[in-house]
Every structure is written in C-alpha cells, then in structure tokens.
Amino acid sequence: MKFLVEETKEGQKSYPTFLTDDPKAIAALNNELAQKILEELGEEPSCPMDLARRLKQHEQKIYYHIRNLEKLGLIKLDRLEERVGATAKIYSLTSPVVAYKILDSGYVTDKKIRAKEIRFLKPFVEDGKFNSMIIVGSPDPHGKYKSPASDGYCGINLTMFFGKYVDEMKIPQYKLDTQTTKEDMKKNLIILGGPKTNILTDEINKQLPVYFDYSEEFRDWVIVSTLTKNVYRDKFCGIIVRTKNPFSDNKEILLLAGKGFTGSSAAVLGLIKYPKEIAKGNSVDSDVVAKVVRGIDVDSDGIVDDVEFLE
C-alpha cells in the first residue's frame, strides 16, 4: 500500500493512496458525476441503485461510471448483498487519495515517515497522541500464582519505541496489574507479561488465538497456537497478539508476553524491530494478528538482540 504524507502545522498526516500509471484514471476525475460517486463511496460503501437514488440520477448513468471507475481501479467491489430476490454489488472507494507519478525522481527519504507503522499502531497511537494504557505485572508476589513480575523492565524499550510516533504523552501512562480499575480496563490496553505474572493476561488468556497453558506433562507453562496447533516450550519464545478488548466494544488490546522475562523481551523486540511483519498477521490466517517469536542472541553476549518468527 502507498501513502501520501502531508506536512501540516499539527504534524504529519498520512493517507492510503491509490498510485496509478494510467492517465485515464486522472482524466476520470474531471467528470462531475464521477467525482460525486467517489465522494459518496468515500462516505460509505453503496450499490449503484442507492447511489442513483441519493444523487437523483438515472441508474444507467451511475452504472456506466461505476464500470469505468472499477476498471481504472479507483473503486472496488466490497461485497455482495442479498436484496429482495436479487444480489446487489456493493462498491467502496479504493483509497481517499489518487496520485499519478510522472517521474521516479525528486523523492525525499525521511526516517520520520513511517506511515505503515502508524496505521498498524492505530488506535494505540492516534493523531500524535498516546491513546492507551500500558499494564505491567506487579513486582510483588500476587495473583492466584503468587508470582512477582520482572517483565516491566521491557516497558523501557517499549516506551522508547512508541516515543517515535507521539508528539505528546501524559505521565503516567502505565499501571501495575494490581492497580488497574474496571474503568482502566475499558481503554486501549498494551499488556506486558504472561498469565503467571499479569492478572489481566490471565483474564483474557484462553480467549486468544495464541495462548498460555500450564502443562502437567512438562510441569511448566507452554504457548499453544489454535491456528497452527503448535506447542512452544522454549523460554525464549514470546507472543505478540492484537485483539478486540473484551471489556469494551470499541477498544483494542496489544499483548506482548512470554513465559518469563526472556520471552516477553523477545515479544517487545519483535514489535520494535518488525512492526511491518507483525501487521501481516499470522502465517496461517493473515486476518488474525497473532505472532509467535523466538529471541536470538546474535552477537553471543548473553542478551537477546533479534527474533525469528515461528508463525
């Protein structure tokens, strides 16, 4: 996906962009009715009949422009919808911005432009503001497993990562799991640590596509994938899961966790180094953002400094 990055007084704005090499796509924008159709589809996906009704135009005119705009790639078939004995084709806008590149030169390479990462991190970061709460496990023995957490140290690297994308951040932006209230749980949450050391992870654990389970056979925690059916025992393994917040319909959760500090560190490192790879989703189902990573000590200094993706 391409992006148009616009510099404004408020900061950078990035827009998903349809980049075309066909001059006819630009010429199509010169037609007033075609423009109105694009604007309507930008508001909400619609079928030609609904567009004709709203724009007070003959249906055949709308169909003509729909076929042309779809052929040029400016709109796309969104879905099919059954309506009173017939099937309606529902169309949507391909992108809010259309661009035509004349020359492959004159571009600027700027490390501040991270449109894909910004898109993936929404709604945790929105409009340059940190729109989440980080929940780390208490360092004191707590919860039904009476375990202290050491995953919180990973939060230092995590906040440095998010700092690249925000212009302002209120302090504090984190809470211990033992301090978290019901109102806090209704926010966008970034949760650090597994179910043994973070009671919020324990609450949502079994609802996740990749989750933690205590194995009586191994007398240890393991990571279980409902997608690949794989079981991971390695302490260097961690999970990165983005999911709907079960405590609030319109909020989300980003979970970064391992069996212990090493696995959680690997999960955080995976997010920091490879956000684009994580945005691709699971290797079995790309619609599900659930990754399993294994930490690697590349330079053999005893510290995990890279990860490999297991799924």
C-alpha atoms as a PDB file:
ATOM      1  CA  MET A   1       0.000   0.000   0.000  1.00  0.00           C
ATOM      2  CA  LYS A   2       1.205   3.504  -0.869  1.00  0.00           C
ATOM      3  CA  PHE A   3       0.780   6.562   1.348  1.00  0.00           C
ATOM      4  CA  LEU A   4       0.674  10.296   0.809  1.00  0.00           C
ATOM      5  CA  VAL A   5       2.395  12.063   3.690  1.00  0.00           C
ATOM      6  CA  GLU A   6       1.269  15.652   4.233  1.00  0.00           C
ATOM      7  CA  GLU A   7       3.214  18.059   6.419  1.00  0.00           C
ATOM      8  CA  THR A   8       0.890  20.275   8.472  1.00  0.00           C
ATOM      9  CA  LYS A   9       1.263  22.608  11.442  1.00  0.00           C
ATOM     10  CA  GLU A  10      -0.121  19.813  13.615  1.00  0.00           C
ATOM     11  CA  GLY A  11       2.457  17.326  12.282  1.00  0.00           C
ATOM     12  CA  GLN A  12       2.482  14.657   9.597  1.00  0.00           C
ATOM     13  CA  LYS A  13      -0.744  13.211   8.207  1.00  0.00           C
ATOM     14  CA  SER A  14      -0.586  10.020   6.133  1.00  0.00           C
ATOM     15  CA  TYR A  15      -3.300   8.880   3.730  1.00  0.00           C
ATOM     16  CA  PRO A  16      -3.620   5.493   1.996  1.00  0.00           C
ATOM     17  CA  THR A  17      -3.112   6.330  -1.681  1.00  0.00           C
ATOM     18  CA  PHE A  18      -4.019   4.720  -5.000  1.00  0.00           C
ATOM     19  CA  LEU A  19      -0.945   5.282  -7.183  1.00  0.00           C
ATOM     20  CA  THR A  20      -1.775   4.872 -10.873  1.00  0.00           C
ATOM     21  CA  ASP A  21       0.246   4.924 -14.075  1.00  0.00           C
ATOM     22  CA  ASP A  22      -2.888   5.297 -16.228  1.00  0.00           C
ATOM     23  CA  PRO A  23      -3.650   8.915 -17.254  1.00  0.00           C
ATOM     24  CA  LYS A  24      -7.272   7.870 -17.852  1.00  0.00           C
ATOM     25  CA  ALA A  25      -7.701   7.443 -14.094  1.00  0.00           C
ATOM     26  CA  ILE A  26      -6.828  11.100 -13.581  1.00  0.00           C
ATOM     27  CA  ALA A  27      -8.993  12.160 -16.537  1.00  0.00           C
ATOM     28  CA  ALA A  28     -11.968  10.354 -14.976  1.00  0.00           C
ATOM     29  CA  LEU A  29     -11.821  12.794 -12.060  1.00  0.00           C
ATOM     30  CA  ASN A  30     -12.684  15.596 -14.464  1.00  0.00           C
ATOM     31  CA  ASN A  31     -16.278  14.364 -14.653  1.00  0.00           C
ATOM     32  CA  GLU A  32     -18.565  15.963 -12.042  1.00  0.00           C
ATOM     33  CA  LEU A  33     -20.824  12.917 -11.631  1.00  0.00           C
ATOM     34  CA  ALA A  34     -17.825  10.583 -11.304  1.00  0.00           C
ATOM     35  CA  GLN A  35     -16.475  12.868  -8.558  1.00  0.00           C
ATOM     36  CA  LYS A  36     -19.787  12.755  -6.710  1.00  0.00           C
ATOM     37  CA  ILE A  37     -19.867   8.947  -6.934  1.00  0.00           C
ATOM     38  CA  LEU A  38     -16.344   8.760  -5.473  1.00  0.00           C
ATOM     39  CA  GLU A  39     -17.288  11.135  -2.666  1.00  0.00           C
ATOM     40  CA  GLU A  40     -20.405   9.094  -1.847  1.00  0.00           C
ATOM     41  CA  LEU A  41     -18.450   5.835  -1.795  1.00  0.00           C
ATOM     42  CA  GLY A  42     -15.866   7.537   0.401  1.00  0.00           C
ATOM     43  CA  GLU A  43     -18.604   8.177   2.942  1.00  0.00           C
ATOM     44  CA  GLU A  44     -19.966   4.626   2.856  1.00  0.00           C
ATOM     45  CA  PRO A  45     -19.914   1.578   0.527  1.00  0.00           C
ATOM     46  CA  SER A  46     -23.028   1.543  -1.701  1.00  0.00           C
ATOM     47  CA  CYS A  47     -24.648  -0.171  -4.668  1.00  0.00           C
ATOM     48  CA  PRO A  48     -25.447   1.674  -7.942  1.00  0.00           C
ATOM     49  CA  MET A  49     -29.174   1.749  -7.156  1.00  0.00           C
ATOM     50  CA  ASP A  50     -28.608   3.514  -3.826  1.00  0.00           C
ATOM     51  CA  LEU A  51     -26.192   5.950  -5.471  1.00  0.00           C
ATOM     52  CA  ALA A  52     -28.740   6.756  -8.188  1.00  0.00           C
ATOM     53  CA  ARG A  53     -31.362   7.473  -5.539  1.00  0.00           C
ATOM     54  CA  ARG A  54     -29.091   9.706  -3.449  1.00  0.00           C
ATOM     55  CA  LEU A  55     -27.624  11.595  -6.397  1.00  0.00           C
ATOM     56  CA  LYS A  56     -31.003  11.806  -8.189  1.00  0.00           C
ATOM     57  CA  GLN A  57     -29.524  10.396 -11.389  1.00  0.00           C
ATOM     58  CA  HIS A  58     -30.688   7.776 -13.886  1.00  0.00           C
ATOM     59  CA  GLU A  59     -29.445   4.344 -12.815  1.00  0.00           C
ATOM     60  CA  GLN A  60     -27.851   3.639 -16.223  1.00  0.00           C
ATOM     61  CA  LYS A  61     -25.631   6.729 -15.849  1.00  0.00           C
ATOM     62  CA  ILE A  62     -24.440   5.509 -12.471  1.00  0.00           C
ATOM     63  CA  TYR A  63     -23.735   2.014 -13.822  1.00  0.00           C
ATOM     64  CA  TYR A  64     -21.675   3.496 -16.655  1.00  0.00           C
ATOM     65  CA  HIS A  65     -19.425   5.426 -14.264  1.00  0.00           C
ATOM     66  CA  ILE A  66     -19.222   2.537 -11.795  1.00  0.00           C
ATOM     67  CA  ARG A  67     -17.943   0.190 -14.510  1.00  0.00           C
ATOM     68  CA  ASN A  68     -15.407   2.768 -15.667  1.00  0.00           C
ATOM     69  CA  LEU A  69     -14.183   3.655 -12.166  1.00  0.00           C
ATOM     70  CA  GLU A  70     -13.840  -0.033 -11.246  1.00  0.00           C
ATOM     71  CA  LYS A  71     -11.897  -0.744 -14.438  1.00  0.00           C
ATOM     72  CA  LEU A  72      -9.497   2.110 -13.652  1.00  0.00           C
ATOM     73  CA  GLY A  73      -9.020   0.840 -10.079  1.00  0.00           C
ATOM     74  CA  LEU A  74     -10.484   3.909  -8.358  1.00  0.00           C
ATOM     75  CA  ILE A  75     -13.237   1.836  -6.735  1.00  0.00           C
ATOM     76  CA  LYS A  76     -13.514  -1.851  -5.843  1.00  0.00           C
ATOM     77  CA  LEU A  77     -16.203  -4.427  -5.218  1.00  0.00           C
ATOM     78  CA  ASP A  78     -16.617  -4.507  -1.453  1.00  0.00           C
ATOM     79  CA  ARG A  79     -19.177  -7.310  -1.080  1.00  0.00           C
ATOM     80  CA  LEU A  80     -22.359  -8.884  -2.447  1.00  0.00           C
ATOM     81  CA  GLU A  81     -25.610  -8.259  -0.604  1.00  0.00           C
ATOM     82  CA  GLU A  82     -28.893 -10.145  -0.973  1.00  0.00           C
ATOM     83  CA  ARG A  83     -31.862  -7.801  -1.519  1.00  0.00           C
ATOM     84  CA  VAL A  84     -35.466  -8.887  -2.223  1.00  0.00           C
ATOM     85  CA  GLY A  85     -34.721 -11.718  -4.604  1.00  0.00           C
ATOM     86  CA  ALA A  86     -31.667 -10.087  -6.175  1.00  0.00           C
ATOM     87  CA  THR A  87     -27.953  -9.717  -5.422  1.00  0.00           C
ATOM     88  CA  ALA A  88     -26.627  -6.170  -5.113  1.00  0.00           C
ATOM     89  CA  LYS A  89     -22.972  -5.317  -5.748  1.00  0.00           C
ATOM     90  CA  ILE A  90     -21.676  -3.022  -3.024  1.00  0.00           C
ATOM     91  CA  TYR A  91     -18.719  -0.852  -4.054  1.00  0.00           C
ATOM     92  CA  SER A  92     -16.253   1.114  -1.954  1.00  0.00           C
ATOM     93  CA  LEU A  93     -13.513   3.658  -2.540  1.00  0.00           C
ATOM     94  CA  THR A  94     -10.074   2.119  -3.135  1.00  0.00           C
ATOM     95  CA  SER A  95      -8.260   4.968  -1.342  1.00  0.00           C
ATOM     96  CA  PRO A  96      -9.066   8.522  -0.230  1.00  0.00           C
ATOM     97  CA  VAL A  97      -6.183   9.848  -2.362  1.00  0.00           C
ATOM     98  CA  VAL A  98      -5.369   9.250  -6.043  1.00  0.00           C
ATOM     99  CA  ALA A  99      -1.857  10.005  -7.343  1.00  0.00           C
ATOM    100  CA  TYR A 100      -0.120   9.867 -10.710  1.00  0.00           C
ATOM    101  CA  LYS A 101       3.665   9.612 -10.681  1.00  0.00           C
ATOM    102  CA  ILE A 102       5.233  11.326 -13.702  1.00  0.00           C
ATOM    103  CA  LEU A 103       8.895  10.612 -12.876  1.00  0.00           C
ATOM    104  CA  ASP A 104      10.626   8.259 -10.463  1.00  0.00           C
ATOM    105  CA  SER A 105      12.794  11.049  -9.092  1.00  0.00           C
ATOM    106  CA  GLY A 106      12.614  14.049  -6.792  1.00  0.00           C
ATOM    107  CA  TYR A 107      11.579  11.959  -3.812  1.00  0.00           C
ATOM    108  CA  VAL A 108      12.721  12.523  -0.237  1.00  0.00           C
ATOM    109  CA  THR A 109      13.829   9.707   2.040  1.00  0.00           C
ATOM    110  CA  ASP A 110      12.887  10.669   5.589  1.00  0.00           C
ATOM    111  CA  LYS A 111      13.114   8.264   8.506  1.00  0.00           C
ATOM    112  CA  LYS A 112      10.271  10.142  10.240  1.00  0.00           C
ATOM    113  CA  ILE A 113       7.806   8.890   7.629  1.00  0.00           C
ATOM    114  CA  ARG A 114       6.508   5.582   8.977  1.00  0.00           C
ATOM    115  CA  ALA A 115       3.016   5.544   7.521  1.00  0.00           C
ATOM    116  CA  LYS A 116       2.527   1.760   7.598  1.00  0.00           C
ATOM    117  CA  GLU A 117       3.666   1.502  11.208  1.00  0.00           C
ATOM    118  CA  ILE A 118       1.440   4.428  12.225  1.00  0.00           C
ATOM    119  CA  ARG A 119      -1.507   2.757  10.521  1.00  0.00           C
ATOM    120  CA  PHE A 120      -0.817  -0.523  12.346  1.00  0.00           C
ATOM    121  CA  LEU A 121      -0.421   1.187  15.741  1.00  0.00           C
ATOM    122  CA  LYS A 122      -3.801   2.914  15.475  1.00  0.00           C
ATOM    123  CA  PRO A 123      -5.784   3.191  17.835  1.00  0.00           C
ATOM    124  CA  PHE A 124      -2.958   2.818  20.393  1.00  0.00           C
ATOM    125  CA  VAL A 125      -1.432   5.968  18.895  1.00  0.00           C
ATOM    126  CA  GLU A 126      -3.748   8.470  17.213  1.00  0.00           C
ATOM    127  CA  ASP A 127      -3.073  11.954  15.865  1.00  0.00           C
ATOM    128  CA  GLY A 128       0.343  12.009  17.503  1.00  0.00           C
ATOM    129  CA  LYS A 129      -1.078  11.152  20.933  1.00  0.00           C
ATOM    130  CA  PHE A 130      -0.555   8.018  23.005  1.00  0.00           C
ATOM    131  CA  ASN A 131      -4.098   6.699  23.274  1.00  0.00           C
ATOM    132  CA  SER A 132      -3.510   3.680  25.521  1.00  0.00           C
ATOM    133  CA  MET A 133      -2.523   2.458  28.936  1.00  0.00           C
ATOM    134  CA  ILE A 134       0.399   0.080  29.491  1.00  0.00           C
ATOM    135  CA  ILE A 135      -0.313  -2.630  32.073  1.00  0.00           C
ATOM    136  CA  VAL A 136       2.683  -4.380  33.641  1.00  0.00           C
ATOM    137  CA  GLY A 137       2.716  -7.104  36.276  1.00  0.00           C
ATOM    138  CA  SER A 138       3.407  -6.122  39.863  1.00  0.00           C
ATOM    139  CA  PRO A 139       6.969  -6.870  41.042  1.00  0.00           C
ATOM    140  CA  ASP A 140       5.497  -8.254  44.290  1.00  0.00           C
ATOM    141  CA  PRO A 141       4.122 -11.800  44.631  1.00  0.00           C
ATOM    142  CA  HIS A 142       0.462 -11.508  43.595  1.00  0.00           C
ATOM    143  CA  GLY A 143      -2.457 -13.168  41.857  1.00  0.00           C
ATOM    144  CA  LYS A 144      -3.518 -16.788  42.061  1.00  0.00           C
ATOM    145  CA  TYR A 145       0.008 -17.915  41.123  1.00  0.00           C
ATOM    146  CA  LYS A 146       1.617 -15.649  43.764  1.00  0.00           C
ATOM    147  CA  SER A 147       4.367 -14.732  41.297  1.00  0.00           C
ATOM    148  CA  PRO A 148       6.369 -11.495  41.067  1.00  0.00           C
ATOM    149  CA  ALA A 149       6.797  -9.983  37.595  1.00  0.00           C
ATOM    150  CA  SER A 150      10.057  -8.846  36.038  1.00  0.00           C
ATOM    151  CA  ASP A 151       8.542  -8.149  32.591  1.00  0.00           C
ATOM    152  CA  GLY A 152       8.064  -4.481  33.488  1.00  0.00           C
ATOM    153  CA  TYR A 153      11.672  -3.747  32.553  1.00  0.00           C
ATOM    154  CA  CYS A 154      10.743  -4.489  28.934  1.00  0.00           C
ATOM    155  CA  GLY A 155       8.492  -1.440  29.140  1.00  0.00           C
ATOM    156  CA  ILE A 156      11.523   0.840  28.956  1.00  0.00           C
ATOM    157  CA  ASN A 157      12.311  -0.261  25.399  1.00  0.00           C
ATOM    158  CA  LEU A 158       8.605  -0.265  24.558  1.00  0.00           C
ATOM    159  CA  THR A 159       8.082   3.377  25.572  1.00  0.00           C
ATOM    160  CA  MET A 160      11.153   4.405  23.568  1.00  0.00           C
ATOM    161  CA  PHE A 161       9.552   2.712  20.558  1.00  0.00           C
ATOM    162  CA  PHE A 162       6.215   4.477  20.978  1.00  0.00           C
ATOM    163  CA  GLY A 163       8.032   7.761  21.584  1.00  0.00           C
ATOM    164  CA  LYS A 164       8.927   7.835  17.875  1.00  0.00           C
ATOM    165  CA  TYR A 165       5.265   8.169  16.954  1.00  0.00           C
ATOM    166  CA  VAL A 166       3.877  10.585  19.522  1.00  0.00           C
ATOM    167  CA  ASP A 167       4.112  14.329  19.954  1.00  0.00           C
ATOM    168  CA  GLU A 168       2.711  14.324  23.457  1.00  0.00           C
ATOM    169  CA  MET A 169       2.340  11.781  26.224  1.00  0.00           C
ATOM    170  CA  LYS A 170       0.726  12.263  29.604  1.00  0.00           C
ATOM    171  CA  ILE A 171       2.513  10.876  32.647  1.00  0.00           C
ATOM    172  CA  PRO A 172       1.961   8.256  33.953  1.00  0.00           C
ATOM    173  CA  GLN A 173       0.890   6.057  31.034  1.00  0.00           C
ATOM    174  CA  TYR A 174       1.200   2.745  32.868  1.00  0.00           C
ATOM    175  CA  LYS A 175      -0.277   0.904  35.826  1.00  0.00           C
ATOM    176  CA  LEU A 176       0.539  -2.281  37.660  1.00  0.00           C
ATOM    177  CA  ASP A 177      -1.961  -5.059  37.079  1.00  0.00           C
ATOM    178  CA  THR A 178      -2.871  -4.931  40.769  1.00  0.00           C
ATOM    179  CA  GLN A 179      -3.729  -1.210  40.477  1.00  0.00           C
ATOM    180  CA  THR A 180      -5.866  -1.490  37.343  1.00  0.00           C
ATOM    181  CA  THR A 181      -9.521  -0.483  37.774  1.00  0.00           C
ATOM    182  CA  LYS A 182     -12.598  -1.539  35.781  1.00  0.00           C
ATOM    183  CA  GLU A 183     -12.548   1.876  34.081  1.00  0.00           C
ATOM    184  CA  ASP A 184      -8.897   1.375  33.081  1.00  0.00           C
ATOM    185  CA  MET A 185      -9.810  -1.964  31.511  1.00  0.00           C
ATOM    186  CA  LYS A 186     -12.199  -0.187  29.111  1.00  0.00           C
ATOM    187  CA  LYS A 187      -9.315   1.696  27.449  1.00  0.00           C
ATOM    188  CA  ASN A 188      -6.960   0.617  24.686  1.00  0.00           C
ATOM    189  CA  LEU A 189      -4.504  -1.583  26.574  1.00  0.00           C
ATOM    190  CA  ILE A 190      -0.921  -2.633  25.958  1.00  0.00           C
ATOM    191  CA  ILE A 191      -0.332  -5.565  28.291  1.00  0.00           C
ATOM    192  CA  LEU A 192       3.122  -6.855  29.190  1.00  0.00           C
ATOM    193  CA  GLY A 193       3.727 -10.328  30.568  1.00  0.00           C
ATOM    194  CA  GLY A 194       2.128 -13.754  30.667  1.00  0.00           C
ATOM    195  CA  PRO A 195      -0.763 -15.036  32.832  1.00  0.00           C
ATOM    196  CA  LYS A 196       1.527 -16.181  35.620  1.00  0.00           C
ATOM    197  CA  THR A 197       2.667 -12.629  36.385  1.00  0.00           C
ATOM    198  CA  ASN A 198      -0.032 -10.371  34.931  1.00  0.00           C
ATOM    199  CA  ILE A 199      -3.596 -10.886  36.120  1.00  0.00           C
ATOM    200  CA  LEU A 200      -5.083  -9.084  33.081  1.00  0.00           C
ATOM    201  CA  THR A 201      -3.326 -11.506  30.755  1.00  0.00           C
ATOM    202  CA  ASP A 202      -4.736 -14.326  32.864  1.00  0.00           C
ATOM    203  CA  GLU A 203      -8.271 -12.945  32.392  1.00  0.00           C
ATOM    204  CA  ILE A 204      -8.114 -12.862  28.583  1.00  0.00           C
ATOM    205  CA  ASN A 205      -5.628 -15.705  28.048  1.00  0.00           C
ATOM    206  CA  LYS A 206      -7.972 -18.524  26.975  1.00  0.00           C
ATOM    207  CA  GLN A 207      -9.812 -16.213  24.536  1.00  0.00           C
ATOM    208  CA  LEU A 208      -6.640 -15.608  22.495  1.00  0.00           C
ATOM    209  CA  PRO A 209      -5.731 -17.339  19.205  1.00  0.00           C
ATOM    210  CA  VAL A 210      -2.293 -17.985  20.724  1.00  0.00           C
ATOM    211  CA  TYR A 211      -2.364 -18.521  24.471  1.00  0.00           C
ATOM    212  CA  PHE A 212      -0.502 -19.850  27.511  1.00  0.00           C
ATOM    213  CA  ASP A 213      -1.296 -23.170  29.148  1.00  0.00           C
ATOM    214  CA  TYR A 214       0.194 -24.976  32.131  1.00  0.00           C
ATOM    215  CA  SER A 215       1.344 -28.432  31.066  1.00  0.00           C
ATOM    216  CA  GLU A 216       1.200 -31.109  33.738  1.00  0.00           C
ATOM    217  CA  GLU A 217       3.311 -33.289  31.453  1.00  0.00           C
ATOM    218  CA  PHE A 218       6.186 -30.794  31.344  1.00  0.00           C
ATOM    219  CA  ARG A 219       5.368 -29.164  34.705  1.00  0.00           C
ATOM    220  CA  ASP A 220       5.822 -25.814  33.047  1.00  0.00           C
ATOM    221  CA  TRP A 221       3.971 -23.180  31.035  1.00  0.00           C
ATOM    222  CA  VAL A 222       3.781 -23.616  27.258  1.00  0.00           C
ATOM    223  CA  ILE A 223       2.485 -21.481  24.384  1.00  0.00           C
ATOM    224  CA  VAL A 224      -0.340 -23.065  22.385  1.00  0.00           C
ATOM    225  CA  SER A 225      -1.459 -21.905  18.935  1.00  0.00           C
ATOM    226  CA  THR A 226      -5.071 -22.558  17.942  1.00  0.00           C
ATOM    227  CA  LEU A 227      -4.094 -21.595  14.386  1.00  0.00           C
ATOM    228  CA  THR A 228      -1.187 -23.961  13.687  1.00  0.00           C
ATOM    229  CA  LYS A 229      -1.868 -26.398  16.586  1.00  0.00           C
ATOM    230  CA  ASN A 230       1.790 -25.999  17.553  1.00  0.00           C
ATOM    231  CA  VAL A 231       3.015 -26.027  21.159  1.00  0.00           C
ATOM    232  CA  TYR A 232       6.078 -23.981  22.136  1.00  0.00           C
ATOM    233  CA  ARG A 233       8.108 -24.806  25.267  1.00  0.00           C
ATOM    234  CA  ASP A 234      11.215 -22.671  24.705  1.00  0.00           C
ATOM    235  CA  LYS A 235      11.696 -19.945  27.338  1.00  0.00           C
ATOM    236  CA  PHE A 236      12.937 -17.652  24.565  1.00  0.00           C
ATOM    237  CA  CYS A 237       9.520 -17.732  22.874  1.00  0.00           C
ATOM    238  CA  GLY A 238       7.037 -14.898  23.188  1.00  0.00           C
ATOM    239  CA  ILE A 239       3.718 -13.893  21.637  1.00  0.00           C
ATOM    240  CA  ILE A 240       2.507 -10.679  20.020  1.00  0.00           C
ATOM    241  CA  VAL A 241      -1.285 -10.542  19.812  1.00  0.00           C
ATOM    242  CA  ARG A 242      -3.569  -7.710  18.794  1.00  0.00           C
ATOM    243  CA  THR A 243      -7.228  -8.317  19.598  1.00  0.00           C
ATOM    244  CA  LYS A 244     -10.522  -6.661  20.495  1.00  0.00           C
ATOM    245  CA  ASN A 245     -10.794  -5.568  24.101  1.00  0.00           C
ATOM    246  CA  PRO A 246     -13.380  -7.890  25.716  1.00  0.00           C
ATOM    247  CA  PHE A 247     -14.049  -5.247  28.379  1.00  0.00           C
ATOM    248  CA  SER A 248     -15.005  -2.528  25.825  1.00  0.00           C
ATOM    249  CA  ASP A 249     -16.561  -2.972  22.374  1.00  0.00           C
ATOM    250  CA  ASN A 250     -14.650  -0.192  20.601  1.00  0.00           C
ATOM    251  CA  LYS A 251     -11.210  -0.633  22.179  1.00  0.00           C
ATOM    252  CA  GLU A 252      -8.295  -2.964  21.473  1.00  0.00           C
ATOM    253  CA  ILE A 253      -5.562  -4.861  23.283  1.00  0.00           C
ATOM    254  CA  LEU A 254      -1.942  -5.385  22.258  1.00  0.00           C
ATOM    255  CA  LEU A 255      -0.401  -8.226  24.271  1.00  0.00           C
ATOM    256  CA  LEU A 256       3.366  -8.753  24.423  1.00  0.00           C
ATOM    257  CA  ALA A 257       4.191 -11.737  26.582  1.00  0.00           C
ATOM    258  CA  GLY A 258       6.409 -14.745  27.228  1.00  0.00           C
ATOM    259  CA  LYS A 259       6.694 -17.446  29.855  1.00  0.00           C
ATOM    260  CA  GLY A 260       9.041 -15.099  31.693  1.00  0.00           C
ATOM    261  CA  PHE A 261      11.226 -12.046  31.219  1.00  0.00           C
ATOM    262  CA  THR A 262      13.200 -13.561  28.306  1.00  0.00           C
ATOM    263  CA  GLY A 263      10.115 -14.435  26.284  1.00  0.00           C
ATOM    264  CA  SER A 264       8.458 -11.089  26.961  1.00  0.00           C
ATOM    265  CA  SER A 265      11.669  -9.317  25.928  1.00  0.00           C
ATOM    266  CA  ALA A 266      11.575 -11.237  22.645  1.00  0.00           C
ATOM    267  CA  ALA A 267       7.960 -10.150  22.047  1.00  0.00           C
ATOM    268  CA  VAL A 268       8.772  -6.486  22.695  1.00  0.00           C
ATOM    269  CA  LEU A 269      11.849  -6.702  20.478  1.00  0.00           C
ATOM    270  CA  GLY A 270       9.752  -8.261  17.716  1.00  0.00           C
ATOM    271  CA  LEU A 271       7.339  -5.322  17.806  1.00  0.00           C
ATOM    272  CA  ILE A 272      10.151  -2.764  17.853  1.00  0.00           C
ATOM    273  CA  LYS A 273      12.197  -4.259  15.006  1.00  0.00           C
ATOM    274  CA  TYR A 274       9.496  -5.748  12.777  1.00  0.00           C
ATOM    275  CA  PRO A 275       6.148  -3.902  13.050  1.00  0.00           C
ATOM    276  CA  LYS A 276       5.501  -4.393   9.313  1.00  0.00           C
ATOM    277  CA  GLU A 277       5.923  -8.149   9.652  1.00  0.00           C
ATOM    278  CA  ILE A 278       3.532  -8.241  12.607  1.00  0.00           C
ATOM    279  CA  ALA A 279       0.948  -6.233  10.652  1.00  0.00           C
ATOM    280  CA  LYS A 280       0.872  -9.061   8.059  1.00  0.00           C
ATOM    281  CA  GLY A 281      -0.903 -11.276  10.595  1.00  0.00           C
ATOM    282  CA  ASN A 282      -0.442 -14.947  11.372  1.00  0.00           C
ATOM    283  CA  SER A 283       1.174 -17.210   8.761  1.00  0.00           C
ATOM    284  CA  VAL A 284      -1.986 -19.371   8.676  1.00  0.00           C
ATOM    285  CA  ASP A 285      -4.591 -16.573   8.824  1.00  0.00           C
ATOM    286  CA  SER A 286      -3.442 -13.080   7.860  1.00  0.00           C
ATOM    287  CA  ASP A 287      -6.626 -11.556   9.309  1.00  0.00           C
ATOM    288  CA  VAL A 288      -5.501 -12.603  12.797  1.00  0.00           C
ATOM    289  CA  VAL A 289      -2.647 -10.558  14.272  1.00  0.00           C
ATOM    290  CA  ALA A 290      -1.055 -13.255  16.418  1.00  0.00           C
ATOM    291  CA  LYS A 291       2.669 -13.913  16.123  1.00  0.00           C
ATOM    292  CA  VAL A 292       4.997 -16.292  17.933  1.00  0.00           C
ATOM    293  CA  VAL A 293       8.649 -15.220  18.056  1.00  0.00           C
ATOM    294  CA  ARG A 294      11.825 -16.733  19.417  1.00  0.00           C
ATOM    295  CA  GLY A 295      14.540 -14.489  20.809  1.00  0.00           C
ATOM    296  CA  ILE A 296      18.062 -14.873  19.423  1.00  0.00           C
ATOM    297  CA  ASP A 297      21.391 -13.740  20.855  1.00  0.00           C
ATOM    298  CA  VAL A 298      23.117 -12.923  17.562  1.00  0.00           C
ATOM    299  CA  ASP A 299      26.368 -11.497  18.956  1.00  0.00           C
ATOM    300  CA  SER A 300      26.634 -14.064  21.799  1.00  0.00           C
ATOM    301  CA  ASP A 301      26.804 -11.528  24.611  1.00  0.00           C
ATOM    302  CA  GLY A 302      24.057 -13.151  26.673  1.00  0.00           C
ATOM    303  CA  ILE A 303      21.398 -10.605  25.619  1.00  0.00           C
ATOM    304  CA  VAL A 304      18.589 -11.274  23.149  1.00  0.00           C
ATOM    305  CA  ASP A 305      19.084  -8.807  20.269  1.00  0.00           C
ATOM    306  CA  ASP A 306      16.952 -10.227  17.462  1.00  0.00           C
ATOM    307  CA  VAL A 307      13.986 -12.540  16.870  1.00  0.00           C
ATOM    308  CA  GLU A 308      12.797 -15.126  14.383  1.00  0.00           C
ATOM    309  CA  PHE A 309       9.126 -15.564  13.561  1.00  0.00           C
ATOM    310  CA  LEU A 310       7.805 -19.073  14.183  1.00  0.00           C
ATOM    311  CA  GLU A 311       4.301 -18.257  12.933  1.00  0.00           C
END
